[in-house]
């Protein structure tokens, strides 16, 4: 099966570095990606949550900052989690394999 996505936009804030218990680095960030303008002139923007792992995470933390234009490629993935309200939630994010 094919599951690839490429997004261009600007970082909404600096990538947030984290380390999981195994010692693997990761960082999460959001990309603001503008849609093509509508005929009436309204601009719409999508805010897309992303996550990068290992060397890609280290690369992101070192070279990218809030407001930087970025193009990323990866795969769209979903995950379920239980919120503080006790309800199950579904979240989508792009797992990044390449950034430039």
PDB file of N, CA and C in Angstrom:
ATOM      1  N   UNK A   1       0.825  -1.184   0.000  1.00  0.00           N
ATOM      2  CA  UNK A   1       0.000   0.000   0.000  1.00  0.00           C
ATOM      3  C   UNK A   1       0.870   1.248   0.000  1.00  0.00           C
ATOM      4  N   UNK A   2       0.303   2.318  -0.482  1.00  0.00           N
ATOM      5  CA  UNK A   2       1.032   3.575  -0.581  1.00  0.00           C
ATOM      6  C   UNK A   2       0.426   4.589   0.379  1.00  0.00           C
ATOM      7  N   UNK A   3       1.241   5.159   1.219  1.00  0.00           N
ATOM      8  CA  UNK A   3       0.805   6.186   2.166  1.00  0.00           C
ATOM      9  C   UNK A   3       1.925   7.207   2.256  1.00  0.00           C
ATOM     10  N   UNK A   4       1.918   8.182   1.367  1.00  0.00           N
ATOM     11  CA  UNK A   4       2.919   9.245   1.404  1.00  0.00           C
ATOM     12  C   UNK A   4       2.227  10.597   1.330  1.00  0.00           C
ATOM     13  N   UNK A   5       2.850  11.558   1.989  1.00  0.00           N
ATOM     14  CA  UNK A   5       2.316  12.912   1.999  1.00  0.00           C
ATOM     15  C   UNK A   5       3.492  13.885   1.968  1.00  0.00           C
ATOM     16  N   UNK A   6       3.342  14.960   1.224  1.00  0.00           N
ATOM     17  CA  UNK A   6       4.341  16.019   1.170  1.00  0.00           C
ATOM     18  C   UNK A   6       3.628  17.325   1.483  1.00  0.00           C
ATOM     19  N   UNK A   7       4.198  18.096   2.390  1.00  0.00           N
ATOM     20  CA  UNK A   7       3.581  19.340   2.841  1.00  0.00           C
ATOM     21  C   UNK A   7       4.605  20.462   2.796  1.00  0.00           C
ATOM     22  N   UNK A   8       4.162  21.627   2.345  1.00  0.00           N
ATOM     23  CA  UNK A   8       4.988  22.821   2.385  1.00  0.00           C
ATOM     24  C   UNK A   8       4.265  23.848   3.238  1.00  0.00           C
ATOM     25  N   UNK A   9       5.008  24.513   4.092  1.00  0.00           N
ATOM     26  CA  UNK A   9       4.426  25.546   4.923  1.00  0.00           C
ATOM     27  C   UNK A   9       5.464  26.126   5.859  1.00  0.00           C
ATOM     28  N   UNK A  10       4.976  26.816   6.881  1.00  0.00           N
ATOM     29  CA  UNK A  10       5.873  27.438   7.858  1.00  0.00           C
ATOM     30  C   UNK A  10       5.655  26.805   9.229  1.00  0.00           C
ATOM     31  N   UNK A  11       6.755  26.680   9.973  1.00  0.00           N
ATOM     32  CA  UNK A  11       6.659  26.153  11.329  1.00  0.00           C
ATOM     33  C   UNK A  11       5.948  27.162  12.216  1.00  0.00           C
ATOM     34  N   UNK A  12       5.000  26.700  13.018  1.00  0.00           N
ATOM     35  CA  UNK A  12       4.257  27.604  13.901  1.00  0.00           C
ATOM     36  C   UNK A  12       5.019  27.908  15.184  1.00  0.00           C
ATOM     37  N   UNK A  13       5.990  27.057  15.535  1.00  0.00           N
ATOM     38  CA  UNK A  13       6.870  27.286  16.682  1.00  0.00           C
ATOM     39  C   UNK A  13       8.094  26.397  16.524  1.00  0.00           C
ATOM     40  N   UNK A  14       9.082  26.567  17.379  1.00  0.00           N
ATOM     41  CA  UNK A  14      10.282  25.729  17.306  1.00  0.00           C
ATOM     42  C   UNK A  14       9.917  24.263  17.548  1.00  0.00           C
ATOM     43  N   UNK A  15      10.583  23.327  16.853  1.00  0.00           N
ATOM     44  CA  UNK A  15      10.336  21.908  17.125  1.00  0.00           C
ATOM     45  C   UNK A  15      10.586  21.596  18.593  1.00  0.00           C
ATOM     46  N   UNK A  16       9.692  20.799  19.188  1.00  0.00           N
ATOM     47  CA  UNK A  16       9.797  20.449  20.602  1.00  0.00           C
ATOM     48  C   UNK A  16      10.558  19.133  20.751  1.00  0.00           C
ATOM     49  N   UNK A  17      11.796  19.187  21.279  1.00  0.00           N
ATOM     50  CA  UNK A  17      12.590  17.964  21.420  1.00  0.00           C
ATOM     51  C   UNK A  17      12.130  17.119  22.606  1.00  0.00           C
ATOM     52  N   UNK A  18      12.161  15.814  22.422  1.00  0.00           N
ATOM     53  CA  UNK A  18      11.835  14.855  23.476  1.00  0.00           C
ATOM     54  C   UNK A  18      12.702  13.628  23.274  1.00  0.00           C
ATOM     55  N   UNK A  19      12.784  12.804  24.298  1.00  0.00           N
ATOM     56  CA  UNK A  19      13.475  11.523  24.200  1.00  0.00           C
ATOM     57  C   UNK A  19      12.573  10.479  24.837  1.00  0.00           C
ATOM     58  N   UNK A  20      12.336   9.372  24.136  1.00  0.00           N
ATOM     59  CA  UNK A  20      11.522   8.301  24.714  1.00  0.00           C
ATOM     60  C   UNK A  20      12.414   7.430  25.592  1.00  0.00           C
ATOM     61  N   UNK A  21      11.832   6.603  26.458  1.00  0.00           N
ATOM     62  CA  UNK A  21      12.628   5.809  27.402  1.00  0.00           C
ATOM     63  C   UNK A  21      13.744   4.977  26.767  1.00  0.00           C
ATOM     64  N   UNK A  22      13.588   4.557  25.512  1.00  0.00           N
ATOM     65  CA  UNK A  22      14.639   3.774  24.857  1.00  0.00           C
ATOM     66  C   UNK A  22      15.843   4.630  24.477  1.00  0.00           C
ATOM     67  N   UNK A  23      15.705   5.961  24.615  1.00  0.00           N
ATOM     68  CA  UNK A  23      16.796   6.861  24.269  1.00  0.00           C
ATOM     69  C   UNK A  23      16.676   7.456  22.875  1.00  0.00           C
ATOM     70  N   UNK A  24      15.656   7.081  22.132  1.00  0.00           N
ATOM     71  CA  UNK A  24      15.454   7.603  20.780  1.00  0.00           C
ATOM     72  C   UNK A  24      14.936   9.037  20.839  1.00  0.00           C
ATOM     73  N   UNK A  25      15.552   9.907  20.039  1.00  0.00           N
ATOM     74  CA  UNK A  25      15.126  11.307  19.976  1.00  0.00           C
ATOM     75  C   UNK A  25      13.881  11.426  19.105  1.00  0.00           C
ATOM     76  N   UNK A  26      13.031  12.371  19.461  1.00  0.00           N
ATOM     77  CA  UNK A  26      11.899  12.712  18.616  1.00  0.00           C
ATOM     78  C   UNK A  26      11.622  14.186  18.803  1.00  0.00           C
ATOM     79  N   UNK A  27      10.925  14.769  17.859  1.00  0.00           N
ATOM     80  CA  UNK A  27      10.456  16.142  18.031  1.00  0.00           C
ATOM     81  C   UNK A  27       9.104  16.271  17.358  1.00  0.00           C
ATOM     82  N   UNK A  28       8.276  17.102  17.944  1.00  0.00           N
ATOM     83  CA  UNK A  28       6.964  17.358  17.375  1.00  0.00           C
ATOM     84  C   UNK A  28       6.891  18.837  16.996  1.00  0.00           C
ATOM     85  N   UNK A  29       6.101  19.100  15.972  1.00  0.00           N
ATOM     86  CA  UNK A  29       5.941  20.465  15.490  1.00  0.00           C
ATOM     87  C   UNK A  29       4.692  20.542  14.630  1.00  0.00           C
ATOM     88  N   UNK A  30       4.263  21.748  14.353  1.00  0.00           N
ATOM     89  CA  UNK A  30       3.086  21.969  13.517  1.00  0.00           C
ATOM     90  C   UNK A  30       3.477  22.846  12.333  1.00  0.00           C
ATOM     91  N   UNK A  31       2.961  22.484  11.166  1.00  0.00           N
ATOM     92  CA  UNK A  31       3.203  23.260   9.948  1.00  0.00           C
ATOM     93  C   UNK A  31       1.905  23.960   9.558  1.00  0.00           C
ATOM     94  N   UNK A  32       1.988  25.262   9.323  1.00  0.00           N
ATOM     95  CA  UNK A  32       0.862  26.035   8.798  1.00  0.00           C
ATOM     96  C   UNK A  32       0.994  26.035   7.282  1.00  0.00           C
ATOM     97  N   UNK A  33       0.049  25.399   6.625  1.00  0.00           N
ATOM     98  CA  UNK A  33       0.098  25.256   5.170  1.00  0.00           C
ATOM     99  C   UNK A  33      -1.125  25.934   4.558  1.00  0.00           C
ATOM    100  N   UNK A  34      -0.877  26.940   3.724  1.00  0.00           N
ATOM    101  CA  UNK A  34      -1.984  27.691   3.130  1.00  0.00           C
ATOM    102  C   UNK A  34      -2.596  26.925   1.966  1.00  0.00           C
ATOM    103  N   UNK A  35      -3.904  26.968   1.893  1.00  0.00           N
ATOM    104  CA  UNK A  35      -4.632  26.409   0.761  1.00  0.00           C
ATOM    105  C   UNK A  35      -4.631  27.451  -0.359  1.00  0.00           C
ATOM    106  N   UNK A  36      -4.869  27.020  -1.586  1.00  0.00           N
ATOM    107  CA  UNK A  36      -4.997  28.020  -2.654  1.00  0.00           C
ATOM    108  C   UNK A  36      -6.147  28.982  -2.325  1.00  0.00           C
ATOM    109  N   UNK A  37      -5.959  30.268  -2.663  1.00  0.00           N
ATOM    110  CA  UNK A  37      -6.988  31.270  -2.379  1.00  0.00           C
ATOM    111  C   UNK A  37      -8.263  30.954  -3.149  1.00  0.00           C
ATOM    112  N   UNK A  38      -9.380  31.234  -2.501  1.00  0.00           N
ATOM    113  CA  UNK A  38     -10.679  31.064  -3.143  1.00  0.00           C
ATOM    114  C   UNK A  38     -10.945  32.269  -4.033  1.00  0.00           C
ATOM    115  N   UNK A  39     -11.921  32.139  -4.884  1.00  0.00           N
ATOM    116  CA  UNK A  39     -12.253  33.237  -5.799  1.00  0.00           C
ATOM    117  C   UNK A  39     -12.642  34.510  -5.059  1.00  0.00           C
ATOM    118  N   UNK A  40     -13.240  34.369  -3.859  1.00  0.00           N
ATOM    119  CA  UNK A  40     -13.641  35.555  -3.104  1.00  0.00           C
ATOM    120  C   UNK A  40     -12.482  36.181  -2.334  1.00  0.00           C
ATOM    121  N   UNK A  41     -11.284  35.558  -2.442  1.00  0.00           N
ATOM    122  CA  UNK A  41     -10.096  36.132  -1.835  1.00  0.00           C
ATOM    123  C   UNK A  41      -9.766  35.658  -0.439  1.00  0.00           C
ATOM    124  N   UNK A  42     -10.645  34.860   0.157  1.00  0.00           N
ATOM    125  CA  UNK A  42     -10.364  34.366   1.509  1.00  0.00           C
ATOM    126  C   UNK A  42      -9.236  33.345   1.483  1.00  0.00           C
ATOM    127  N   UNK A  43      -8.292  33.523   2.388  1.00  0.00           N
ATOM    128  CA  UNK A  43      -7.172  32.588   2.517  1.00  0.00           C
ATOM    129  C   UNK A  43      -7.463  31.641   3.664  1.00  0.00           C
ATOM    130  N   UNK A  44      -7.343  30.342   3.433  1.00  0.00           N
ATOM    131  CA  UNK A  44      -7.516  29.357   4.489  1.00  0.00           C
ATOM    132  C   UNK A  44      -6.185  28.665   4.732  1.00  0.00           C
ATOM    133  N   UNK A  45      -5.948  28.330   5.996  1.00  0.00           N
ATOM    134  CA  UNK A  45      -4.693  27.686   6.388  1.00  0.00           C
ATOM    135  C   UNK A  45      -5.005  26.424   7.169  1.00  0.00           C
ATOM    136  N   UNK A  46      -4.284  25.350   6.855  1.00  0.00           N
ATOM    137  CA  UNK A  46      -4.366  24.115   7.624  1.00  0.00           C
ATOM    138  C   UNK A  46      -3.185  24.063   8.570  1.00  0.00           C
ATOM    139  N   UNK A  47      -3.407  23.613   9.790  1.00  0.00           N
ATOM    140  CA  UNK A  47      -2.350  23.446  10.779  1.00  0.00           C
ATOM    141  C   UNK A  47      -2.158  21.948  10.976  1.00  0.00           C
ATOM    142  N   UNK A  48      -1.025  21.448  10.508  1.00  0.00           N
ATOM    143  CA  UNK A  48      -0.800  20.011  10.411  1.00  0.00           C
ATOM    144  C   UNK A  48       0.234  19.562  11.434  1.00  0.00           C
ATOM    145  N   UNK A  49      -0.180  18.710  12.383  1.00  0.00           N
ATOM    146  CA  UNK A  49       0.762  18.205  13.393  1.00  0.00           C
ATOM    147  C   UNK A  49       1.708  17.173  12.777  1.00  0.00           C
ATOM    148  N   UNK A  50       2.980  17.268  13.147  1.00  0.00           N
ATOM    149  CA  UNK A  50       4.007  16.377  12.600  1.00  0.00           C
ATOM    150  C   UNK A  50       4.896  15.856  13.722  1.00  0.00           C
ATOM    151  N   UNK A  51       5.540  14.733  13.454  1.00  0.00           N
ATOM    152  CA  UNK A  51       6.501  14.158  14.389  1.00  0.00           C
ATOM    153  C   UNK A  51       7.675  13.613  13.591  1.00  0.00           C
ATOM    154  N   UNK A  52       8.867  13.827  14.099  1.00  0.00           N
ATOM    155  CA  UNK A  52      10.090  13.319  13.459  1.00  0.00           C
ATOM    156  C   UNK A  52      10.856  12.499  14.483  1.00  0.00           C
ATOM    157  N   UNK A  53      11.543  11.460  14.018  1.00  0.00           N
ATOM    158  CA  UNK A  53      12.255  10.530  14.896  1.00  0.00           C
ATOM    159  C   UNK A  53      13.746  10.507  14.594  1.00  0.00           C
ATOM    160  N   UNK A  54      14.528  10.127  15.576  1.00  0.00           N
ATOM    161  CA  UNK A  54      15.962   9.823  15.460  1.00  0.00           C
ATOM    162  C   UNK A  54      16.724  10.948  14.757  1.00  0.00           C
ATOM    163  N   UNK A  55      17.482  10.631  13.715  1.00  0.00           N
ATOM    164  CA  UNK A  55      18.328  11.626  13.043  1.00  0.00           C
ATOM    165  C   UNK A  55      17.521  12.738  12.393  1.00  0.00           C
ATOM    166  N   UNK A  56      16.324  12.412  11.891  1.00  0.00           N
ATOM    167  CA  UNK A  56      15.477  13.460  11.314  1.00  0.00           C
ATOM    168  C   UNK A  56      15.059  14.445  12.394  1.00  0.00           C
ATOM    169  N   UNK A  57      14.765  13.957  13.597  1.00  0.00           N
ATOM    170  CA  UNK A  57      14.411  14.831  14.720  1.00  0.00           C
ATOM    171  C   UNK A  57      15.590  15.733  15.085  1.00  0.00           C
ATOM    172  N   UNK A  58      16.780  15.169  15.139  1.00  0.00           N
ATOM    173  CA  UNK A  58      17.971  15.959  15.467  1.00  0.00           C
ATOM    174  C   UNK A  58      18.219  17.018  14.401  1.00  0.00           C
ATOM    175  N   UNK A  59      18.033  16.668  13.135  1.00  0.00           N
ATOM    176  CA  UNK A  59      18.183  17.606  12.020  1.00  0.00           C
ATOM    177  C   UNK A  59      17.173  18.750  12.155  1.00  0.00           C
ATOM    178  N   UNK A  60      15.931  18.414  12.450  1.00  0.00           N
ATOM    179  CA  UNK A  60      14.885  19.428  12.600  1.00  0.00           C
ATOM    180  C   UNK A  60      15.222  20.407  13.727  1.00  0.00           C
ATOM    181  N   UNK A  61      15.646  19.868  14.866  1.00  0.00           N
ATOM    182  CA  UNK A  61      15.951  20.708  16.025  1.00  0.00           C
ATOM    183  C   UNK A  61      17.123  21.647  15.754  1.00  0.00           C
ATOM    184  N   UNK A  62      18.063  21.181  14.964  1.00  0.00           N
ATOM    185  CA  UNK A  62      19.268  21.967  14.708  1.00  0.00           C
ATOM    186  C   UNK A  62      19.052  23.066  13.672  1.00  0.00           C
ATOM    187  N   UNK A  63      18.282  22.782  12.626  1.00  0.00           N
ATOM    188  CA  UNK A  63      18.235  23.693  11.484  1.00  0.00           C
ATOM    189  C   UNK A  63      16.913  24.429  11.266  1.00  0.00           C
ATOM    190  N   UNK A  64      15.855  24.088  11.976  1.00  0.00           N
ATOM    191  CA  UNK A  64      14.558  24.717  11.715  1.00  0.00           C
ATOM    192  C   UNK A  64      14.014  25.390  12.960  1.00  0.00           C
ATOM    193  N   UNK A  65      13.385  26.561  12.755  1.00  0.00           N
ATOM    194  CA  UNK A  65      12.860  27.367  13.853  1.00  0.00           C
ATOM    195  C   UNK A  65      11.522  27.970  13.455  1.00  0.00           C
ATOM    196  N   UNK A  66      10.834  28.514  14.425  1.00  0.00           N
ATOM    197  CA  UNK A  66       9.528  29.135  14.208  1.00  0.00           C
ATOM    198  C   UNK A  66       9.582  30.094  13.019  1.00  0.00           C
ATOM    199  N   UNK A  67       8.593  29.966  12.133  1.00  0.00           N
ATOM    200  CA  UNK A  67       8.478  30.852  10.980  1.00  0.00           C
ATOM    201  C   UNK A  67       9.219  30.385   9.746  1.00  0.00           C
ATOM    202  N   UNK A  68      10.124  29.414   9.878  1.00  0.00           N
ATOM    203  CA  UNK A  68      10.876  28.918   8.720  1.00  0.00           C
ATOM    204  C   UNK A  68       9.957  28.195   7.749  1.00  0.00           C
ATOM    205  N   UNK A  69      10.194  28.431   6.453  1.00  0.00           N
ATOM    206  CA  UNK A  69       9.504  27.675   5.410  1.00  0.00           C
ATOM    207  C   UNK A  69      10.137  26.291   5.365  1.00  0.00           C
ATOM    208  N   UNK A  70       9.304  25.265   5.214  1.00  0.00           N
ATOM    209  CA  UNK A  70       9.799  23.897   5.224  1.00  0.00           C
ATOM    210  C   UNK A  70       8.962  23.045   4.273  1.00  0.00           C
ATOM    211  N   UNK A  71       9.601  22.047   3.701  1.00  0.00           N
ATOM    212  CA  UNK A  71       8.907  21.020   2.926  1.00  0.00           C
ATOM    213  C   UNK A  71       9.246  19.694   3.587  1.00  0.00           C
ATOM    214  N   UNK A  72       8.222  18.934   3.947  1.00  0.00           N
ATOM    215  CA  UNK A  72       8.431  17.637   4.588  1.00  0.00           C
ATOM    216  C   UNK A  72       7.716  16.549   3.807  1.00  0.00           C
ATOM    217  N   UNK A  73       8.255  15.351   3.893  1.00  0.00           N
ATOM    218  CA  UNK A  73       7.623  14.164   3.318  1.00  0.00           C
ATOM    219  C   UNK A  73       7.545  13.112   4.404  1.00  0.00           C
ATOM    220  N   UNK A  74       6.510  12.321   4.352  1.00  0.00           N
ATOM    221  CA  UNK A  74       6.350  11.261   5.325  1.00  0.00           C
ATOM    222  C   UNK A  74       5.084  10.487   5.067  1.00  0.00           C
ATOM    223  N   UNK A  75       4.515   9.952   6.150  1.00  0.00           N
ATOM    224  CA  UNK A  75       3.277   9.191   6.015  1.00  0.00           C
ATOM    225  C   UNK A  75       2.261   9.709   7.031  1.00  0.00           C
ATOM    226  N   UNK A  76       1.011   9.667   6.661  1.00  0.00           N
ATOM    227  CA  UNK A  76      -0.061  10.057   7.558  1.00  0.00           C
ATOM    228  C   UNK A  76      -0.382   8.864   8.449  1.00  0.00           C
ATOM    229  N   UNK A  77      -0.444   9.112   9.758  1.00  0.00           N
ATOM    230  CA  UNK A  77      -0.773   8.026  10.672  1.00  0.00           C
ATOM    231  C   UNK A  77      -1.798   8.515  11.690  1.00  0.00           C
ATOM    232  N   UNK A  78      -2.553   7.571  12.211  1.00  0.00           N
ATOM    233  CA  UNK A  78      -3.546   7.888  13.232  1.00  0.00           C
ATOM    234  C   UNK A  78      -3.200   7.122  14.498  1.00  0.00           C
ATOM    235  N   UNK A  79      -3.669   7.659  15.617  1.00  0.00           N
ATOM    236  CA  UNK A  79      -3.470   6.965  16.881  1.00  0.00           C
ATOM    237  C   UNK A  79      -4.652   7.284  17.793  1.00  0.00           C
ATOM    238  N   UNK A  80      -4.982   6.328  18.636  1.00  0.00           N
ATOM    239  CA  UNK A  80      -6.056   6.519  19.597  1.00  0.00           C
ATOM    240  C   UNK A  80      -5.451   6.684  20.986  1.00  0.00           C
ATOM    241  N   UNK A  81      -6.089   7.523  21.789  1.00  0.00           N
ATOM    242  CA  UNK A  81      -5.623   7.698  23.156  1.00  0.00           C
ATOM    243  C   UNK A  81      -6.814   8.058  24.036  1.00  0.00           C
ATOM    244  N   UNK A  82      -6.648   7.833  25.314  1.00  0.00           N
ATOM    245  CA  UNK A  82      -7.686   8.202  26.270  1.00  0.00           C
ATOM    246  C   UNK A  82      -7.335   9.557  26.858  1.00  0.00           C
ATOM    247  N   UNK A  83      -8.239  10.498  26.743  1.00  0.00           N
ATOM    248  CA  UNK A  83      -8.014  11.850  27.243  1.00  0.00           C
ATOM    249  C   UNK A  83      -8.247  11.948  28.732  1.00  0.00           C
ATOM    250  N   UNK A  84      -7.940  13.099  29.289  1.00  0.00           N
ATOM    251  CA  UNK A  84      -8.141  13.334  30.721  1.00  0.00           C
ATOM    252  C   UNK A  84      -9.617  13.252  31.095  1.00  0.00           C
ATOM    253  N   UNK A  85     -10.469  13.437  30.093  1.00  0.00           N
ATOM    254  CA  UNK A  85     -11.910  13.345  30.331  1.00  0.00           C
ATOM    255  C   UNK A  85     -12.400  11.895  30.349  1.00  0.00           C
ATOM    256  N   UNK A  86     -11.480  10.933  30.127  1.00  0.00           N
ATOM    257  CA  UNK A  86     -11.832   9.522  30.135  1.00  0.00           C
ATOM    258  C   UNK A  86     -12.388   9.014  28.825  1.00  0.00           C
ATOM    259  N   UNK A  87     -12.515   9.883  27.843  1.00  0.00           N
ATOM    260  CA  UNK A  87     -13.050   9.498  26.539  1.00  0.00           C
ATOM    261  C   UNK A  87     -11.918   9.136  25.597  1.00  0.00           C
ATOM    262  N   UNK A  88     -12.221   8.251  24.651  1.00  0.00           N
ATOM    263  CA  UNK A  88     -11.245   7.892  23.621  1.00  0.00           C
ATOM    264  C   UNK A  88     -11.225   8.965  22.542  1.00  0.00           C
ATOM    265  N   UNK A  89     -10.040   9.285  22.081  1.00  0.00           N
ATOM    266  CA  UNK A  89      -9.861  10.300  21.044  1.00  0.00           C
ATOM    267  C   UNK A  89      -9.036   9.707  19.906  1.00  0.00           C
ATOM    268  N   UNK A  90      -9.200  10.271  18.729  1.00  0.00           N
ATOM    269  CA  UNK A  90      -8.437   9.868  17.556  1.00  0.00           C
ATOM    270  C   UNK A  90      -7.643  11.070  17.071  1.00  0.00           C
ATOM    271  N   UNK A  91      -6.352  10.899  16.898  1.00  0.00           N
ATOM    272  CA  UNK A  91      -5.487  11.990  16.434  1.00  0.00           C
ATOM    273  C   UNK A  91      -4.770  11.561  15.161  1.00  0.00           C
ATOM    274  N   UNK A  92      -4.547  12.521  14.293  1.00  0.00           N
ATOM    275  CA  UNK A  92      -3.788  12.289  13.072  1.00  0.00           C
ATOM    276  C   UNK A  92      -2.537  13.141  13.104  1.00  0.00           C
ATOM    277  N   UNK A  93      -1.443  12.606  12.577  1.00  0.00           N
ATOM    278  CA  UNK A  93      -0.199  13.356  12.476  1.00  0.00           C
ATOM    279  C   UNK A  93       0.603  12.798  11.313  1.00  0.00           C
ATOM    280  N   UNK A  94       1.545  13.589  10.850  1.00  0.00           N
ATOM    281  CA  UNK A  94       2.429  13.149   9.773  1.00  0.00           C
ATOM    282  C   UNK A  94       3.750  12.718  10.410  1.00  0.00           C
ATOM    283  N   UNK A  95       4.122  11.480  10.175  1.00  0.00           N
ATOM    284  CA  UNK A  95       5.412  10.967  10.632  1.00  0.00           C
ATOM    285  C   UNK A  95       6.431  11.274   9.541  1.00  0.00           C
ATOM    286  N   UNK A  96       7.377  12.161   9.842  1.00  0.00           N
ATOM    287  CA  UNK A  96       8.292  12.709   8.851  1.00  0.00           C
ATOM    288  C   UNK A  96       9.463  11.759   8.583  1.00  0.00           C
ATOM    289  N   UNK A  97       9.731  11.549   7.307  1.00  0.00           N
ATOM    290  CA  UNK A  97      10.904  10.761   6.908  1.00  0.00           C
ATOM    291  C   UNK A  97      11.976  11.637   6.257  1.00  0.00           C
ATOM    292  N   UNK A  98      11.557  12.826   5.788  1.00  0.00           N
ATOM    293  CA  UNK A  98      12.497  13.727   5.108  1.00  0.00           C
ATOM    294  C   UNK A  98      12.038  15.169   5.273  1.00  0.00           C
ATOM    295  N   UNK A  99      12.994  16.059   5.542  1.00  0.00           N
ATOM    296  CA  UNK A  99      12.683  17.486   5.688  1.00  0.00           C
ATOM    297  C   UNK A  99      13.754  18.307   4.993  1.00  0.00           C
ATOM    298  N   UNK A 100      13.323  19.374   4.336  1.00  0.00           N
ATOM    299  CA  UNK A 100      14.259  20.327   3.737  1.00  0.00           C
ATOM    300  C   UNK A 100      13.585  21.650   3.490  1.00  0.00           C
TER     301      UNK A 100
END
